[in-house]
C-alpha atoms as a PDB file:
ATOM      1  CA  MET A   1     -14.647 -17.746  13.770  1.00  0.00           C
ATOM      2  CA  SER A   2     -14.787 -21.444  13.819  1.00  0.00           C
ATOM      3  CA  GLU A   3     -16.577 -23.359  16.481  1.00  0.00           C
ATOM      4  CA  ARG A   4     -14.376 -26.422  16.011  1.00  0.00           C
ATOM      5  CA  PRO A   5     -10.487 -27.078  16.841  1.00  0.00           C
ATOM      6  CA  ILE A   6      -8.040 -25.538  14.181  1.00  0.00           C
ATOM      7  CA  ASN A   7      -5.046 -27.574  13.333  1.00  0.00           C
ATOM      8  CA  LEU A   8      -2.165 -25.037  12.789  1.00  0.00           C
ATOM      9  CA  ARG A   9      -0.425 -27.240  10.489  1.00  0.00           C
ATOM     10  CA  ASP A  10      -3.572 -27.453   8.132  1.00  0.00           C
ATOM     11  CA  ALA A  11      -3.965 -23.707   8.533  1.00  0.00           C
ATOM     12  CA  LEU A  12      -0.413 -23.237   7.368  1.00  0.00           C
ATOM     13  CA  ALA A  13      -0.700 -25.696   4.578  1.00  0.00           C
ATOM     14  CA  SER A  14      -3.731 -23.861   3.152  1.00  0.00           C
ATOM     15  CA  PHE A  15      -1.653 -20.829   1.956  1.00  0.00           C
ATOM     16  CA  ASP A  16       1.863 -20.266   0.355  1.00  0.00           C
ATOM     17  CA  GLU A  17       2.253 -16.536   0.475  1.00  0.00           C
ATOM     18  CA  LEU A  18       5.238 -15.267   2.602  1.00  0.00           C
ATOM     19  CA  TRP A  19       4.745 -12.193   5.129  1.00  0.00           C
ATOM     20  CA  SER A  20       0.884 -12.511   4.649  1.00  0.00           C
ATOM     21  CA  PRO A  21      -0.635 -13.614   7.912  1.00  0.00           C
ATOM     22  CA  ARG A  22      -3.808 -15.604   8.215  1.00  0.00           C
ATOM     23  CA  ILE A  23      -6.369 -15.030  11.169  1.00  0.00           C
ATOM     24  CA  VAL A  24      -6.883 -18.440  12.541  1.00  0.00           C
ATOM     25  CA  THR A  25      -9.070 -17.299  15.756  1.00  0.00           C
ATOM     26  CA  ARG A  26     -10.066 -14.503  17.754  1.00  0.00           C
ATOM     27  CA  VAL A  27      -9.494 -14.211  21.563  1.00  0.00           C
ATOM     28  CA  ASN A  28     -11.547 -11.175  22.875  1.00  0.00           C
ATOM     29  CA  ASP A  29     -10.381  -8.358  20.859  1.00  0.00           C
ATOM     30  CA  TYR A  30      -7.109  -9.999  19.831  1.00  0.00           C
ATOM     31  CA  ASP A  31      -6.212 -11.904  16.528  1.00  0.00           C
ATOM     32  CA  VAL A  32      -4.330 -15.113  16.565  1.00  0.00           C
ATOM     33  CA  ARG A  33      -2.474 -15.162  13.267  1.00  0.00           C
ATOM     34  CA  VAL A  34      -0.056 -17.510  11.498  1.00  0.00           C
ATOM     35  CA  ALA A  35       2.230 -16.643   8.864  1.00  0.00           C
ATOM     36  CA  LYS A  36       5.080 -18.159   6.657  1.00  0.00           C
ATOM     37  CA  VAL A  37       8.188 -15.879   6.427  1.00  0.00           C
ATOM     38  CA  ARG A  38      11.510 -15.883   4.630  1.00  0.00           C
ATOM     39  CA  GLY A  39      13.953 -13.263   4.080  1.00  0.00           C
ATOM     40  CA  GLU A  40      13.757  -9.846   5.787  1.00  0.00           C
ATOM     41  CA  TYR A  41      10.636  -7.933   6.806  1.00  0.00           C
ATOM     42  CA  VAL A  42      10.451  -4.130   7.138  1.00  0.00           C
ATOM     43  CA  TRP A  43      11.713  -2.150  10.066  1.00  0.00           C
ATOM     44  CA  HIS A  44       8.430  -1.008  11.936  1.00  0.00           C
ATOM     45  CA  ALA A  45       6.874  -0.211  15.156  1.00  0.00           C
ATOM     46  CA  HIS A  46       3.730  -0.727  16.830  1.00  0.00           C
ATOM     47  CA  ASP A  47       3.199   2.428  18.889  1.00  0.00           C
ATOM     48  CA  GLY A  48       0.061   1.203  20.959  1.00  0.00           C
ATOM     49  CA  THR A  49       0.641  -2.514  21.325  1.00  0.00           C
ATOM     50  CA  ASP A  50       3.320  -5.088  22.247  1.00  0.00           C
ATOM     51  CA  GLU A  51       3.709  -7.882  19.474  1.00  0.00           C
ATOM     52  CA  PHE A  52       3.889 -11.500  20.459  1.00  0.00           C
ATOM     53  CA  PHE A  53       5.781 -14.187  18.290  1.00  0.00           C
ATOM     54  CA  LEU A  54       5.866 -18.001  18.705  1.00  0.00           C
ATOM     55  CA  LEU A  55       8.265 -19.831  16.399  1.00  0.00           C
ATOM     56  CA  LEU A  56       6.357 -22.867  15.359  1.00  0.00           C
ATOM     57  CA  ASP A  57       9.153 -24.122  12.878  1.00  0.00           C
ATOM     58  CA  GLY A  58      12.253 -22.865  11.042  1.00  0.00           C
ATOM     59  CA  ASP A  59      14.420 -20.082  12.085  1.00  0.00           C
ATOM     60  CA  LEU A  60      13.710 -16.624  13.120  1.00  0.00           C
ATOM     61  CA  ARG A  61      15.693 -13.603  14.352  1.00  0.00           C
ATOM     62  CA  ILE A  62      14.082 -10.285  15.352  1.00  0.00           C
ATOM     63  CA  ARG A  63      16.283  -7.208  15.226  1.00  0.00           C
ATOM     64  CA  LEU A  64      15.586  -4.504  17.651  1.00  0.00           C
ATOM     65  CA  ARG A  65      16.235  -0.682  17.925  1.00  0.00           C
ATOM     66  CA  GLU A  66      15.278  -0.197  21.495  1.00  0.00           C
ATOM     67  CA  ARG A  67      16.181   3.428  21.959  1.00  0.00           C
ATOM     68  CA  GLU A  68      17.967   6.228  20.248  1.00  0.00           C
ATOM     69  CA  GLY A  69      21.682   5.895  20.047  1.00  0.00           C
ATOM     70  CA  ALA A  70      21.621   2.263  21.531  1.00  0.00           C
ATOM     71  CA  PRO A  71      23.220  -0.393  19.596  1.00  0.00           C
ATOM     72  CA  GLU A  72      20.941  -2.668  17.418  1.00  0.00           C
ATOM     73  CA  ARG A  73      20.043  -6.038  19.439  1.00  0.00           C
ATOM     74  CA  VAL A  74      19.332  -9.506  17.840  1.00  0.00           C
ATOM     75  CA  VAL A  75      17.074 -11.970  19.495  1.00  0.00           C
ATOM     76  CA  THR A  76      17.128 -15.431  17.905  1.00  0.00           C
ATOM     77  CA  LEU A  77      14.085 -17.653  18.534  1.00  0.00           C
ATOM     78  CA  GLU A  78      14.354 -21.451  18.743  1.00  0.00           C
ATOM     79  CA  ARG A  79      11.354 -23.722  17.611  1.00  0.00           C
ATOM     80  CA  GLY A  80       8.807 -23.373  20.421  1.00  0.00           C
ATOM     81  CA  SER A  81      10.058 -20.182  21.760  1.00  0.00           C
ATOM     82  CA  VAL A  82       8.159 -16.989  22.352  1.00  0.00           C
ATOM     83  CA  PHE A  83       9.252 -13.325  22.340  1.00  0.00           C
ATOM     84  CA  VAL A  84       7.213 -10.067  22.935  1.00  0.00           C
ATOM     85  CA  VAL A  85       8.487  -6.737  21.323  1.00  0.00           C
ATOM     86  CA  PRO A  86       7.504  -4.112  23.598  1.00  0.00           C
ATOM     87  CA  ARG A  87       5.193  -1.328  22.147  1.00  0.00           C
ATOM     88  CA  GLY A  88       7.081   1.445  20.260  1.00  0.00           C
ATOM     89  CA  THR A  89      10.175  -0.609  19.657  1.00  0.00           C
ATOM     90  CA  GLU A  90      11.392  -0.611  16.200  1.00  0.00           C
ATOM     91  CA  HIS A  91      11.968  -4.134  14.992  1.00  0.00           C
ATOM     92  CA  ARG A  92      12.458  -6.380  11.815  1.00  0.00           C
ATOM     93  CA  PRO A  93      11.907 -10.024  11.732  1.00  0.00           C
ATOM     94  CA  GLU A  94      14.073 -12.029   9.342  1.00  0.00           C
ATOM     95  CA  SER A  95      14.641 -15.698   8.530  1.00  0.00           C
ATOM     96  CA  ASP A  96      17.152 -17.181   6.276  1.00  0.00           C
ATOM     97  CA  GLY A  97      15.886 -20.716   5.720  1.00  0.00           C
ATOM     98  CA  GLY A  98      12.027 -19.665   6.323  1.00  0.00           C
ATOM     99  CA  ALA A  99       9.798 -20.118   9.358  1.00  0.00           C
ATOM    100  CA  SER A 100       6.368 -20.637  10.414  1.00  0.00           C
ATOM    101  CA  ILE A 101       5.067 -18.321  13.257  1.00  0.00           C
ATOM    102  CA  LEU A 102       2.158 -17.388  15.456  1.00  0.00           C
ATOM    103  CA  LEU A 103       1.307 -13.882  16.140  1.00  0.00           C
ATOM    104  CA  PHE A 104      -0.960 -12.473  18.897  1.00  0.00           C
ATOM    105  CA  GLU A 105      -2.100  -8.752  18.500  1.00  0.00           C
ATOM    106  CA  PRO A 106      -5.131  -6.726  18.785  1.00  0.00           C
ATOM    107  CA  THR A 107      -7.639  -6.995  15.916  1.00  0.00           C
ATOM    108  CA  GLY A 108      -7.048  -4.522  13.230  1.00  0.00           C
ATOM    109  CA  THR A 109      -3.312  -4.142  14.044  1.00  0.00           C
ATOM    110  CA  LEU A 110      -1.526  -3.441  10.691  1.00  0.00           C
ATOM    111  CA  THR A 111       1.395  -5.803  10.250  1.00  0.00           C
ATOM    112  CA  VAL A 112       3.892  -2.998   9.237  1.00  0.00           C
ATOM    113  CA  GLY A 113       2.767  -1.013  12.533  1.00  0.00           C
ATOM    114  CA  ASP A 114       2.213   2.495  12.954  1.00  0.00           C
ATOM    115  CA  ARG A 115       5.787   3.718  11.747  1.00  0.00           C
ATOM    116  CA  HIS A 116       7.683   1.865   9.074  1.00  0.00           C
ATOM    117  CA  GLU A 117      10.266   2.171   6.238  1.00  0.00           C
ATOM    118  CA  GLU A 118       9.050   1.935   2.732  1.00  0.00           C
ATOM    119  CA  VAL A 119       7.184  -1.351   2.146  1.00  0.00           C
ATOM    120  CA  PRO A 120       8.851  -3.470  -0.402  1.00  0.00           C
ATOM    121  CA  ASP A 121       6.809  -5.683  -2.909  1.00  0.00           C
ATOM    122  CA  HIS A 122       7.379  -8.880  -1.094  1.00  0.00           C
ATOM    123  CA  VAL A 123       5.543  -7.648   2.236  1.00  0.00           C
ATOM    124  CA  ASP A 124       1.744  -7.767   2.490  1.00  0.00           C
ATOM    125  CA  ALA A 125       0.826  -4.617   4.657  1.00  0.00           C
ATOM    126  CA  THR A 126      -2.526  -6.145   6.108  1.00  0.00           C
ATOM    127  CA  THR A 127      -4.543  -6.452   9.280  1.00  0.00           C
ATOM    128  CA  GLY A 128      -4.527 -10.103   8.513  1.00  0.00           C
ATOM    129  CA  HIS A 129      -6.521 -12.364   5.992  1.00  0.00           C
ATOM    130  CA  VAL A 130      -9.401 -14.580   7.039  1.00  0.00           C
ATOM    131  CA  LEU A 131      -8.222 -18.227   7.028  1.00  0.00           C
ATOM    132  CA  ASP A 132      -9.730 -20.225   4.087  1.00  0.00           C
ATOM    133  CA  GLY A 133     -11.659 -23.373   4.863  1.00  0.00           C
END
């Protein structure tokens, strides 16, 4: 990881792929990742960890299926807001107009979680890509 400050705008400008996070740095055993998103992701759950979202720019909703039989819930994030999806909670991020997000999760965490529906072609199932530059 870099020993100099990392500008998140520059980091986001260095790639165009959607739903394909870049690791900008690490904190202890956690990745700090940035991603560009648009459209719908895949329903998934992380059984062993919470997932932290910070909306840097754009629009983002996170659909949640919190427990069997409970109605689906939608959380709408505004620019600069954060939300934590609790471990084991099925969720699906989505953005109509596109968004830039920052994620904080344990190094090696697969973006589609431990349980997920079929992964469509537009989703990069990864543990994060090293930031170029």
